[in-house]
């Protein structure tokens, strides 16, 4: 196998994994949506905690994706911002 084929294979595998992670996070968001979630701090915290649990329990512990806490915190903030924009409840 030529090296460029190997690089494409890794990239395709990464793309599938990234898409899977994105879909799982969307499912988490949808499962926590309630009416007026964005004005309900308790509901937002539950969503934030569920995403946090996913990062640590699934990505780190089950899949071996070990990202620095600072990166995870930044991702969580961006996900919450995107959820607020995309899933207006």
C-alpha atoms as a PDB file:
ATOM      1  CA  UNK A   1       0.000   0.000   0.000  1.00  0.00           C
ATOM      2  CA  UNK A   2       1.283   3.427  -0.864  1.00  0.00           C
ATOM      3  CA  UNK A   3       1.645   5.965   1.993  1.00  0.00           C
ATOM      4  CA  UNK A   4      -0.918   8.351   0.533  1.00  0.00           C
ATOM      5  CA  UNK A   5      -3.530   5.584   0.659  1.00  0.00           C
ATOM      6  CA  UNK A   6      -2.713   5.002   4.327  1.00  0.00           C
ATOM      7  CA  UNK A   7      -3.117   8.723   5.083  1.00  0.00           C
ATOM      8  CA  UNK A   8      -6.500   8.731   3.342  1.00  0.00           C
ATOM      9  CA  UNK A   9      -7.588   5.692   5.363  1.00  0.00           C
ATOM     10  CA  UNK A  10      -6.683   7.351   8.658  1.00  0.00           C
ATOM     11  CA  UNK A  11      -8.440  10.553   7.603  1.00  0.00           C
ATOM     12  CA  UNK A  12     -11.583   8.665   6.602  1.00  0.00           C
ATOM     13  CA  UNK A  13     -11.550   6.728   9.878  1.00  0.00           C
ATOM     14  CA  UNK A  14     -11.145   9.970  11.826  1.00  0.00           C
ATOM     15  CA  UNK A  15     -14.013  11.563   9.904  1.00  0.00           C
ATOM     16  CA  UNK A  16     -16.327   8.676  10.741  1.00  0.00           C
ATOM     17  CA  UNK A  17     -15.357   8.852  14.428  1.00  0.00           C
ATOM     18  CA  UNK A  18     -15.827  12.641  14.521  1.00  0.00           C
ATOM     19  CA  UNK A  19     -19.262  12.311  12.907  1.00  0.00           C
ATOM     20  CA  UNK A  20     -20.215   9.634  15.418  1.00  0.00           C
ATOM     21  CA  UNK A  21     -19.162  11.848  18.335  1.00  0.00           C
ATOM     22  CA  UNK A  22     -21.109  14.801  16.921  1.00  0.00           C
ATOM     23  CA  UNK A  23     -24.264  12.705  16.545  1.00  0.00           C
ATOM     24  CA  UNK A  24     -23.938  11.374  20.086  1.00  0.00           C
ATOM     25  CA  UNK A  25     -23.588  14.916  21.446  1.00  0.00           C
ATOM     26  CA  UNK A  26     -26.643  16.007  19.457  1.00  0.00           C
ATOM     27  CA  UNK A  27     -28.579  13.123  21.023  1.00  0.00           C
ATOM     28  CA  UNK A  28     -27.486  14.277  24.482  1.00  0.00           C
ATOM     29  CA  UNK A  29     -28.639  17.808  23.726  1.00  0.00           C
ATOM     30  CA  UNK A  30     -31.991  16.642  22.358  1.00  0.00           C
ATOM     31  CA  UNK A  31     -32.588  14.412  25.371  1.00  0.00           C
ATOM     32  CA  UNK A  32     -32.116  17.382  27.721  1.00  0.00           C
ATOM     33  CA  UNK A  33     -34.163  19.960  25.822  1.00  0.00           C
ATOM     34  CA  UNK A  34     -37.118  21.345  27.702  1.00  0.00           C
ATOM     35  CA  UNK A  35     -39.278  24.397  27.130  1.00  0.00           C
ATOM     36  CA  UNK A  36     -37.323  27.531  28.028  1.00  0.00           C
ATOM     37  CA  UNK A  37     -34.099  25.629  28.726  1.00  0.00           C
ATOM     38  CA  UNK A  38     -32.037  28.701  27.873  1.00  0.00           C
ATOM     39  CA  UNK A  39     -33.642  30.679  30.684  1.00  0.00           C
ATOM     40  CA  UNK A  40     -33.457  27.768  33.142  1.00  0.00           C
ATOM     41  CA  UNK A  41     -30.057  27.558  34.824  1.00  0.00           C
ATOM     42  CA  UNK A  42     -30.748  24.177  36.448  1.00  0.00           C
ATOM     43  CA  UNK A  43     -31.673  22.599  33.091  1.00  0.00           C
ATOM     44  CA  UNK A  44     -28.603  24.129  31.452  1.00  0.00           C
ATOM     45  CA  UNK A  45     -26.393  22.716  34.202  1.00  0.00           C
ATOM     46  CA  UNK A  46     -27.912  19.257  33.696  1.00  0.00           C
ATOM     47  CA  UNK A  47     -27.123  19.475  29.980  1.00  0.00           C
ATOM     48  CA  UNK A  48     -23.618  20.738  30.690  1.00  0.00           C
ATOM     49  CA  UNK A  49     -23.046  17.866  33.151  1.00  0.00           C
ATOM     50  CA  UNK A  50     -24.332  15.300  30.656  1.00  0.00           C
ATOM     51  CA  UNK A  51     -21.890  16.562  28.029  1.00  0.00           C
ATOM     52  CA  UNK A  52     -19.109  16.546  30.616  1.00  0.00           C
ATOM     53  CA  UNK A  53     -19.987  12.964  31.585  1.00  0.00           C
ATOM     54  CA  UNK A  54     -19.884  11.963  27.917  1.00  0.00           C
ATOM     55  CA  UNK A  55     -16.427  13.468  27.478  1.00  0.00           C
ATOM     56  CA  UNK A  56     -15.005  11.645  30.475  1.00  0.00           C
ATOM     57  CA  UNK A  57     -16.993   8.404  30.673  1.00  0.00           C
ATOM     58  CA  UNK A  58     -17.297   7.643  26.975  1.00  0.00           C
ATOM     59  CA  UNK A  59     -14.569   9.479  25.088  1.00  0.00           C
ATOM     60  CA  UNK A  60     -11.790   9.186  27.657  1.00  0.00           C
ATOM     61  CA  UNK A  61     -12.603   5.968  29.506  1.00  0.00           C
ATOM     62  CA  UNK A  62     -14.224   3.863  26.760  1.00  0.00           C
ATOM     63  CA  UNK A  63     -12.613   5.196  23.577  1.00  0.00           C
ATOM     64  CA  UNK A  64      -9.261   6.339  24.918  1.00  0.00           C
ATOM     65  CA  UNK A  65      -9.570   9.935  23.700  1.00  0.00           C
ATOM     66  CA  UNK A  66      -7.614  11.816  26.337  1.00  0.00           C
ATOM     67  CA  UNK A  67      -7.848  15.562  25.791  1.00  0.00           C
ATOM     68  CA  UNK A  68      -6.602  18.194  28.240  1.00  0.00           C
ATOM     69  CA  UNK A  69      -9.283  19.539  30.577  1.00  0.00           C
ATOM     70  CA  UNK A  70      -8.788  23.024  29.127  1.00  0.00           C
ATOM     71  CA  UNK A  71      -9.641  21.734  25.653  1.00  0.00           C
ATOM     72  CA  UNK A  72     -12.715  19.909  26.966  1.00  0.00           C
ATOM     73  CA  UNK A  73     -13.890  23.035  28.789  1.00  0.00           C
ATOM     74  CA  UNK A  74     -13.532  25.078  25.611  1.00  0.00           C
ATOM     75  CA  UNK A  75     -15.394  22.441  23.590  1.00  0.00           C
ATOM     76  CA  UNK A  76     -18.217  22.347  26.135  1.00  0.00           C
ATOM     77  CA  UNK A  77     -18.641  26.120  25.969  1.00  0.00           C
ATOM     78  CA  UNK A  78     -18.720  26.034  22.174  1.00  0.00           C
ATOM     79  CA  UNK A  79     -21.186  23.138  22.171  1.00  0.00           C
ATOM     80  CA  UNK A  80     -23.472  24.981  24.598  1.00  0.00           C
ATOM     81  CA  UNK A  81     -23.305  28.123  22.426  1.00  0.00           C
ATOM     82  CA  UNK A  82     -24.109  26.111  19.305  1.00  0.00           C
ATOM     83  CA  UNK A  83     -26.924  24.276  21.078  1.00  0.00           C
ATOM     84  CA  UNK A  84     -28.402  27.595  22.197  1.00  0.00           C
ATOM     85  CA  UNK A  85     -28.333  28.851  18.602  1.00  0.00           C
ATOM     86  CA  UNK A  86     -29.474  25.635  16.933  1.00  0.00           C
ATOM     87  CA  UNK A  87     -31.985  24.247  19.431  1.00  0.00           C
ATOM     88  CA  UNK A  88     -34.067  27.182  20.536  1.00  0.00           C
ATOM     89  CA  UNK A  89     -36.604  25.709  22.935  1.00  0.00           C
END
